[in-house]
Amino acid sequence: MRATIQPFDVLTFRKRSLFVGAPVSFFICLAFLLNFFVMPSLDGEADAATGSMAPEAAFLVSETEAHELIRLAYSESQAGQAGPIREEPSTASGRTVDDREDAKDADPWEDEPESMDSIPDPLEPMNRAFFVFNDKMYFWFLKPVGTGYGMVVPEFGRVCIRNFFTNLIMPIRAISCLLQGKFEGFGIELVRCVVNTTAGFLGFQDVARQGLGFEIQDEDLGQAFAFYGIGPGFYLNLPFLGPSTLRDTAGWVGELYLNPLDYMVDDFWPNVGFRTLDILNKTSLRIGEYEALKKAALDPYVAMRDAYYQYRLNQIEK
């Protein structure tokens, strides 16, 4: 007599699975709970020599596992009746309440340091155009000429020329120190100028730093304006001059009246010639710095803007 195979009924199978699964889950939970009440005492007797903290740790672990097992058994029983497991409303509402409480407790000034580390740039399209202009001028003119200049003039001679121009613009640093109440820096600049001009052969040698230990006071009118609470305004990238701010640009204009070179050389083109020599000389001493910054940056314009602003902040904080 051949056995007849009945067709597979999905609904009947699911009902039987639920009917059998519920008691099985119940007995599993019951056995685990019995084990839960028995194991702490056994662990306590076996590990009495190790201290009283071991049974308490086992108790917490067992309690956590029992809770998770009960929750999983309940979730499996509900899966066959209500379909996919959904997030409990209480949990969702609890998360919403927690998120609202976190939003209320959040400090409204938490993002203020990030905004302080960046400078407004409302003229970014124009600044980017001037940045490209200065970039081409560097790679097409300043770097080739500065490289050739460095091959002709040895490094010692270029350092002497840099010392000469640095000593020449002493009034800018001295008056900037005086406006900020840095009287010690003002005195150091006066001594440096006298010593370097006389013993240093018109400033070609920095005798004040080598012999007396008097360092250059890196001050300018832009820092003096910041000392009186004048903000940077917004970012500027000027042709030929490079990165700046509205405050530093105003300081640069004021420094034109404090630079002795403008009084010593009145003619326009000779004056431009001396300034060009100063720029080429400084460029020959730091070739490679701009290339490294540009190579490491995803956006060289943003990198230059942020680096300049951080540099000025560090100068002002000194």
Protein backbone atom coordinates (compact mmCIF):
# COMPACT_ATOMS: atom_id res chain seq x y z
CA MET A 1 0.00 0.00 0.00
CA ARG A 2 1.60 3.26 -1.10
CA ALA A 3 1.74 6.26 1.26
CA THR A 4 0.05 9.34 -0.01
CA ILE A 5 1.97 12.62 0.25
CA GLN A 6 -0.18 15.55 1.24
CA PRO A 7 0.55 18.96 -0.23
CA PHE A 8 2.56 21.35 1.91
CA ASP A 9 0.36 23.89 3.62
CA VAL A 10 2.29 27.01 4.62
CA LEU A 11 -0.39 28.36 6.96
CA THR A 12 -0.75 25.05 8.76
CA PHE A 13 3.04 24.82 9.16
CA ARG A 14 3.27 28.33 10.60
CA LYS A 15 0.42 27.66 13.06
CA ARG A 16 2.07 24.43 14.20
CA SER A 17 5.43 26.17 14.51
CA LEU A 18 3.89 28.87 16.67
CA PHE A 19 1.98 26.28 18.71
CA VAL A 20 5.15 24.27 19.34
CA GLY A 21 7.58 27.18 19.48
CA ALA A 22 5.83 29.04 22.29
CA PRO A 23 6.03 26.18 24.87
CA VAL A 24 9.61 25.43 23.83
CA SER A 25 10.57 29.07 24.34
CA PHE A 26 8.77 29.06 27.69
CA PHE A 27 10.67 25.99 28.94
CA ILE A 28 13.98 27.39 27.72
CA CYS A 29 13.38 30.60 29.64
CA LEU A 30 12.25 28.65 32.73
CA ALA A 31 15.38 26.46 32.66
CA PHE A 32 17.60 29.48 32.21
CA LEU A 33 15.94 31.30 35.13
CA LEU A 34 16.43 28.25 37.37
CA ASN A 35 20.05 28.19 36.32
CA PHE A 36 20.12 31.92 36.99
CA PHE A 37 19.10 31.47 40.65
CA VAL A 38 21.40 28.48 41.22
CA MET A 39 24.64 29.62 39.56
CA PRO A 40 25.39 32.64 41.78
CA SER A 41 25.50 30.52 44.90
CA LEU A 42 27.75 27.92 43.26
CA ASP A 43 30.04 30.63 41.92
CA GLY A 44 30.10 32.24 45.33
CA GLU A 45 31.17 29.03 47.05
CA ALA A 46 33.74 28.13 44.41
CA ASP A 47 35.28 31.60 44.19
CA ALA A 48 35.07 32.67 47.83
CA ALA A 49 38.84 32.92 47.95
CA THR A 50 38.87 35.53 45.20
CA GLY A 51 36.58 37.98 47.04
CA SER A 52 32.99 39.05 47.10
CA MET A 53 33.04 40.87 43.75
CA ALA A 54 33.04 37.69 41.58
CA PRO A 55 29.47 36.50 42.50
CA GLU A 56 28.14 39.99 41.95
CA ALA A 57 29.73 40.14 38.50
CA ALA A 58 28.30 36.71 37.61
CA PHE A 59 24.89 37.85 38.85
CA LEU A 60 24.90 40.88 36.59
CA VAL A 61 26.02 38.86 33.57
CA SER A 62 23.35 36.19 34.16
CA GLU A 63 20.67 38.81 34.61
CA THR A 64 21.63 40.52 31.37
CA GLU A 65 21.67 37.25 29.41
CA ALA A 66 18.29 36.18 30.84
CA HIS A 67 16.74 39.48 29.88
CA GLU A 68 18.08 39.21 26.34
CA LEU A 69 16.88 35.59 25.98
CA ILE A 70 13.36 36.49 27.13
CA ARG A 71 13.27 39.43 24.75
CA LEU A 72 14.39 37.28 21.80
CA ALA A 73 11.82 34.56 22.60
CA TYR A 74 9.07 37.16 22.76
CA SER A 75 10.22 38.74 19.49
CA GLU A 76 10.19 35.36 17.70
CA SER A 77 6.68 34.61 18.93
CA GLN A 78 5.46 37.98 17.71
CA ALA A 79 7.17 37.62 14.32
CA GLY A 80 4.76 34.93 13.13
CA GLN A 81 1.70 36.93 14.12
CA ALA A 82 2.54 40.51 13.25
CA GLY A 83 5.06 39.99 10.44
CA PRO A 84 8.47 41.71 10.57
CA ILE A 85 9.67 43.00 13.89
CA ARG A 86 8.98 46.68 14.30
CA GLU A 87 10.52 49.12 16.63
CA GLU A 88 8.55 49.51 19.83
CA PRO A 89 6.73 52.82 20.04
CA SER A 90 7.99 53.37 23.54
CA THR A 91 11.57 52.94 22.37
CA ALA A 92 11.08 55.28 19.41
CA SER A 93 9.36 57.86 21.58
CA GLY A 94 12.06 57.44 24.20
CA ARG A 95 14.74 58.10 21.61
CA THR A 96 12.85 61.14 20.39
CA VAL A 97 12.60 62.50 23.91
CA ASP A 98 16.29 61.80 24.51
CA ASP A 99 17.22 63.56 21.26
CA ARG A 100 15.12 66.55 22.26
CA GLU A 101 16.71 66.64 25.68
CA ASP A 102 20.18 66.42 24.14
CA ALA A 103 19.27 69.26 21.78
CA LYS A 104 18.10 71.36 24.73
CA ASP A 105 21.21 70.57 26.77
CA ALA A 106 23.55 71.30 23.85
CA ASP A 107 25.66 74.39 24.24
CA PRO A 108 24.55 77.00 21.67
CA TRP A 109 28.11 78.35 21.56
CA GLU A 110 29.71 74.96 20.95
CA ASP A 111 30.57 75.71 17.29
CA GLU A 112 31.94 79.15 18.06
CA PRO A 113 35.65 78.13 18.05
CA GLU A 114 35.30 76.73 14.51
CA SER A 115 33.76 79.97 13.28
CA MET A 116 36.53 81.92 14.97
CA ASP A 117 39.18 79.86 13.16
CA SER A 118 37.83 80.91 9.75
CA ILE A 119 37.64 84.35 8.22
CA PRO A 120 34.77 85.73 6.13
CA ASP A 121 35.46 85.69 2.43
CA PRO A 122 32.64 87.55 0.66
CA LEU A 123 34.91 88.43 -2.28
CA GLU A 124 36.01 84.86 -2.94
CA PRO A 125 35.54 84.95 -6.75
CA MET A 126 37.73 88.04 -7.04
CA ASN A 127 40.22 86.68 -4.50
CA ARG A 128 40.49 83.42 -6.39
CA ALA A 129 41.20 85.31 -9.62
CA PHE A 130 44.00 87.26 -7.92
CA PHE A 131 45.26 84.03 -6.35
CA VAL A 132 45.63 82.50 -9.81
CA PHE A 133 47.39 85.66 -10.99
CA ASN A 134 49.88 85.56 -8.10
CA ASP A 135 50.35 81.83 -8.59
CA LYS A 136 51.28 82.31 -12.25
CA MET A 137 53.53 85.24 -11.38
CA TYR A 138 55.39 83.08 -8.88
CA PHE A 139 55.94 80.10 -11.17
CA TRP A 140 56.53 82.13 -14.34
CA PHE A 141 58.62 84.99 -12.97
CA LEU A 142 59.57 84.99 -9.28
CA LYS A 143 60.73 81.40 -9.02
CA PRO A 144 62.82 81.27 -12.22
CA VAL A 145 64.38 84.66 -11.58
CA GLY A 146 64.84 83.90 -7.88
CA THR A 147 66.50 80.59 -8.72
CA GLY A 148 68.90 82.28 -11.14
CA TYR A 149 69.52 85.05 -8.62
CA GLY A 150 70.36 82.43 -6.00
CA MET A 151 72.84 80.79 -8.35
CA VAL A 152 74.64 84.10 -8.86
CA VAL A 153 74.51 85.52 -5.33
CA PRO A 154 75.66 83.15 -2.58
CA GLU A 155 73.43 82.52 0.40
CA PHE A 156 75.63 84.60 2.70
CA GLY A 157 75.18 87.63 0.46
CA ARG A 158 71.42 87.12 0.25
CA VAL A 159 71.17 86.91 4.03
CA CYS A 160 73.10 90.18 4.32
CA ILE A 161 70.73 91.89 1.88
CA ARG A 162 67.76 90.61 3.86
CA ASN A 163 69.31 91.99 7.05
CA PHE A 164 69.77 95.38 5.39
CA PHE A 165 66.11 95.73 4.40
CA THR A 166 64.98 94.38 7.78
CA ASN A 167 67.04 96.98 9.61
CA LEU A 168 65.81 99.70 7.26
CA ILE A 169 62.13 99.28 8.18
CA MET A 170 62.82 99.43 11.92
CA PRO A 171 60.44 102.42 12.44
CA ILE A 172 57.45 100.26 11.47
CA ARG A 173 58.23 97.69 14.16
CA ALA A 174 59.22 100.25 16.78
CA ILE A 175 56.08 102.39 16.41
CA SER A 176 53.89 99.27 16.34
CA CYS A 177 55.42 98.16 19.63
CA LEU A 178 54.89 101.62 21.11
CA LEU A 179 51.22 101.71 20.07
CA GLN A 180 50.64 98.36 21.79
CA GLY A 181 52.39 99.41 25.00
CA LYS A 182 55.30 97.04 24.43
CA PHE A 183 57.94 99.41 25.70
CA GLU A 184 60.56 96.69 26.10
CA GLY A 185 60.14 95.73 22.45
CA PHE A 186 60.32 99.40 21.49
CA GLY A 187 63.64 99.76 23.31
CA ILE A 188 65.01 96.56 21.78
CA GLU A 189 64.23 97.83 18.28
CA LEU A 190 66.00 101.13 18.95
CA VAL A 191 69.09 99.35 20.27
CA ARG A 192 69.06 96.93 17.36
CA CYS A 193 68.91 99.74 14.84
CA VAL A 194 71.79 101.67 16.43
CA VAL A 195 74.04 98.62 16.88
CA ASN A 196 73.36 97.07 13.48
CA THR A 197 73.68 100.36 11.61
CA THR A 198 77.04 101.12 13.20
CA ALA A 199 78.75 97.86 14.10
CA GLY A 200 76.80 95.87 11.54
CA PHE A 201 77.86 97.92 8.51
CA LEU A 202 74.54 99.66 7.75
CA GLY A 203 72.58 96.63 8.88
CA PHE A 204 74.13 94.03 6.61
CA GLN A 205 75.15 92.11 9.72
CA ASP A 206 72.73 91.35 12.57
CA VAL A 207 75.23 92.04 15.34
CA ALA A 208 72.50 92.83 17.88
CA ARG A 209 71.09 89.33 17.62
CA GLN A 210 74.44 87.55 17.42
CA GLY A 211 76.21 89.54 20.14
CA LEU A 212 73.46 90.84 22.43
CA GLY A 213 70.71 88.30 21.87
CA PHE A 214 68.18 90.97 20.82
CA GLU A 215 65.72 89.32 18.49
CA ILE A 216 63.59 91.09 15.89
CA GLN A 217 60.26 92.27 17.26
CA ASP A 218 57.85 90.96 14.63
CA GLU A 219 55.25 93.73 14.92
CA ASP A 220 53.28 95.78 12.39
CA LEU A 221 50.37 98.21 12.26
CA GLY A 222 47.91 95.41 11.55
CA GLN A 223 48.72 93.89 14.93
CA ALA A 224 48.48 97.32 16.53
CA PHE A 225 44.96 97.74 15.11
CA ALA A 226 44.03 94.32 16.48
CA PHE A 227 45.34 95.39 19.89
CA TYR A 228 42.69 98.14 19.96
CA GLY A 229 39.92 95.71 19.10
CA ILE A 230 39.67 96.26 15.36
CA GLY A 231 38.58 93.03 13.69
CA PRO A 232 40.13 91.57 10.55
CA GLY A 233 37.09 92.47 8.45
CA PHE A 234 37.24 89.99 5.60
CA TYR A 235 39.84 88.15 3.59
CA LEU A 236 41.63 89.74 0.64
CA ASN A 237 44.08 88.30 -1.86
CA LEU A 238 45.77 91.26 -3.47
CA PRO A 239 47.77 91.17 -6.71
CA PHE A 240 51.54 91.23 -6.13
CA LEU A 241 50.98 91.45 -2.34
CA GLY A 242 49.31 88.10 -1.73
CA PRO A 243 47.03 87.16 1.19
CA SER A 244 45.80 89.88 3.51
CA THR A 245 42.75 91.15 5.36
CA LEU A 246 40.95 94.47 5.37
CA ARG A 247 42.67 95.39 8.63
CA ASP A 248 46.12 94.32 7.45
CA THR A 249 45.66 96.17 4.16
CA ALA A 250 44.90 99.37 6.07
CA GLY A 251 48.01 98.73 8.15
CA TRP A 252 50.08 98.22 5.00
CA VAL A 253 48.94 101.59 3.67
CA GLY A 254 49.95 103.24 6.95
CA GLU A 255 53.33 101.55 6.84
CA LEU A 256 54.06 103.25 3.52
CA TYR A 257 54.41 106.51 5.47
CA LEU A 258 56.72 104.87 8.04
CA ASN A 259 59.08 103.17 5.60
CA PRO A 260 62.33 105.17 5.27
CA LEU A 261 62.82 103.76 1.76
CA ASP A 262 59.99 105.96 0.47
CA TYR A 263 61.80 109.04 1.79
CA MET A 264 65.28 107.97 0.74
CA VAL A 265 64.24 107.07 -2.83
CA ASP A 266 61.62 109.51 -4.08
CA ASP A 267 61.55 108.45 -7.73
CA PHE A 268 58.93 105.87 -8.57
CA TRP A 269 60.88 103.39 -10.68
CA PRO A 270 64.03 103.28 -8.50
CA ASN A 271 61.74 102.74 -5.53
CA VAL A 272 60.01 99.88 -7.34
CA GLY A 273 63.43 98.48 -8.23
CA PHE A 274 64.54 98.35 -4.58
CA ARG A 275 61.26 96.72 -3.53
CA THR A 276 61.57 94.17 -6.34
CA LEU A 277 65.10 93.35 -5.21
CA ASP A 278 63.83 92.80 -1.67
CA ILE A 279 61.05 90.49 -2.91
CA LEU A 280 63.37 88.48 -5.19
CA ASN A 281 65.95 88.14 -2.44
CA LYS A 282 63.38 86.83 0.05
CA THR A 283 61.91 84.51 -2.57
CA SER A 284 65.31 82.96 -3.30
CA LEU A 285 65.68 82.10 0.40
CA ARG A 286 62.37 80.23 0.69
CA ILE A 287 61.86 78.51 -2.65
CA GLY A 288 59.96 75.29 -2.09
CA GLU A 289 57.71 76.41 0.78
CA TYR A 290 54.82 77.47 -1.44
CA GLU A 291 55.21 74.38 -3.60
CA ALA A 292 54.95 72.13 -0.54
CA LEU A 293 51.79 73.88 0.67
CA LYS A 294 50.18 73.69 -2.74
CA LYS A 295 51.07 70.03 -3.20
CA ALA A 296 49.66 68.98 0.18
CA ALA A 297 46.39 70.93 -0.14
CA LEU A 298 43.20 69.77 -1.83
CA ASP A 299 42.31 73.41 -2.47
CA PRO A 300 45.44 75.61 -2.46
CA TYR A 301 43.37 78.78 -2.23
CA VAL A 302 41.59 77.65 0.95
CA ALA A 303 44.85 76.30 2.38
CA MET A 304 46.60 79.61 1.80
CA ARG A 305 43.70 81.58 3.29
CA ASP A 306 43.48 79.46 6.43
CA ALA A 307 47.25 79.30 6.89
CA TYR A 308 47.56 83.07 6.62
CA TYR A 309 44.73 83.70 9.06
CA GLN A 310 46.15 81.27 11.63
CA TYR A 311 49.57 82.85 11.21
CA ARG A 312 48.16 86.30 11.92
CA LEU A 313 46.24 85.02 14.94
CA ASN A 314 49.43 83.58 16.39
CA GLN A 315 51.24 86.87 15.83
CA ILE A 316 48.48 88.86 17.53
CA GLU A 317 48.36 86.51 20.54
CA LYS A 318 52.07 86.98 21.26
